[in-house]
Protein backbone atom coordinates (compact mmCIF):
# COMPACT_ATOMS: atom_id res chain seq x y z
CA MET A 1 57.64 -27.02 54.34
CA CYS A 2 57.36 -30.74 53.69
CA GLN A 3 54.11 -31.59 55.43
CA ALA A 4 51.41 -33.35 53.50
CA LYS A 5 47.68 -33.24 52.97
CA VAL A 6 45.96 -36.59 53.39
CA TYR A 7 42.92 -37.45 51.26
CA LEU A 8 40.46 -40.32 51.16
CA ASP A 9 40.40 -42.03 47.74
CA ALA A 10 41.41 -38.99 45.60
CA PRO A 11 43.11 -35.59 45.99
CA ARG A 12 39.99 -33.36 46.05
CA ASP A 13 38.92 -30.81 48.66
CA GLU A 14 35.82 -32.78 49.67
CA ASN A 15 38.05 -35.82 50.40
CA LEU A 16 40.53 -33.97 52.61
CA ILE A 17 41.09 -35.80 55.91
CA MET A 18 43.88 -33.71 57.46
CA GLU A 19 46.38 -31.00 56.54
CA ASP A 20 49.96 -30.37 57.70
CA VAL A 21 50.55 -34.07 58.40
CA ALA A 22 54.09 -34.64 59.58
CA HIS A 23 53.86 -38.28 60.67
CA ILE A 24 51.81 -41.35 59.76
CA LEU A 25 51.85 -44.42 62.01
CA ARG A 26 50.37 -47.81 61.23
CA GLU A 27 48.44 -49.79 63.84
CA ALA A 28 47.16 -53.32 63.39
CA GLY A 29 43.42 -53.62 63.84
CA ASN A 30 41.39 -56.29 65.61
CA ASP A 31 40.83 -58.09 62.30
CA ALA A 32 43.80 -59.60 60.46
CA HIS A 33 42.98 -57.45 57.41
CA ALA A 34 41.97 -54.24 59.18
CA GLU A 35 44.53 -51.50 59.57
CA THR A 36 44.39 -48.15 61.31
CA LEU A 37 46.55 -45.24 60.23
CA VAL A 38 47.30 -42.58 62.83
CA LEU A 39 47.85 -39.16 61.25
CA VAL A 40 49.75 -36.60 63.33
CA ASN A 41 49.98 -32.97 62.26
CA LEU A 42 52.48 -30.23 63.17
CA PHE A 43 50.48 -29.30 66.27
CA GLY A 44 50.45 -32.85 67.63
CA GLU A 45 46.78 -33.40 66.81
CA GLU A 46 45.97 -36.99 65.89
CA LYS A 47 43.32 -38.54 63.70
CA ARG A 48 42.76 -42.26 63.19
CA VAL A 49 41.59 -43.58 59.82
CA GLU A 50 40.74 -47.15 58.78
CA GLY A 51 42.34 -48.02 55.46
CA ARG A 52 45.64 -48.34 53.68
CA ILE A 53 48.01 -45.99 51.90
CA ALA A 54 47.30 -46.17 48.18
CA SER A 55 49.63 -43.44 46.94
CA ILE A 56 52.17 -40.89 48.14
CA ASP A 57 53.16 -37.91 45.99
CA LEU A 58 56.22 -36.31 47.56
CA LEU A 59 56.46 -33.53 44.96
CA ARG A 60 52.87 -32.38 45.51
CA HIS A 61 52.90 -33.21 49.25
CA TYR A 62 49.88 -35.46 49.46
CA VAL A 63 48.95 -38.98 50.55
CA ILE A 64 45.90 -40.92 49.39
CA ILE A 65 44.28 -43.44 51.71
CA GLU A 66 41.88 -46.09 50.44
CA ARG A 67 39.24 -47.63 52.65
CA GLU A 68 39.38 -51.39 52.65
CA GLU A 69 36.33 -53.20 51.32
CA PRO A 70 34.80 -55.76 53.72
C-alpha cells in the first residue's frame, strides 16, 4: 500500500495527525499567508490542518506538516 502517515513537525507517534492518507488538497485561507491542507484517508474521512508541507518521504510513506508562525 502507498498511503502515508501525516505528522506535525516531526515523524513521532505523539505528532501523528492522520494515518492511511491517500490524498492531500490545498485550500487558500482567509489570510494571504494562511493555508489549509485537507487530508483524506482511504475511508473518505477528512481532516483540515493549518500549515504547509515541509517534507514528504515516499520511501517511508510519511508527510511532515509545519504550522506557520504568525
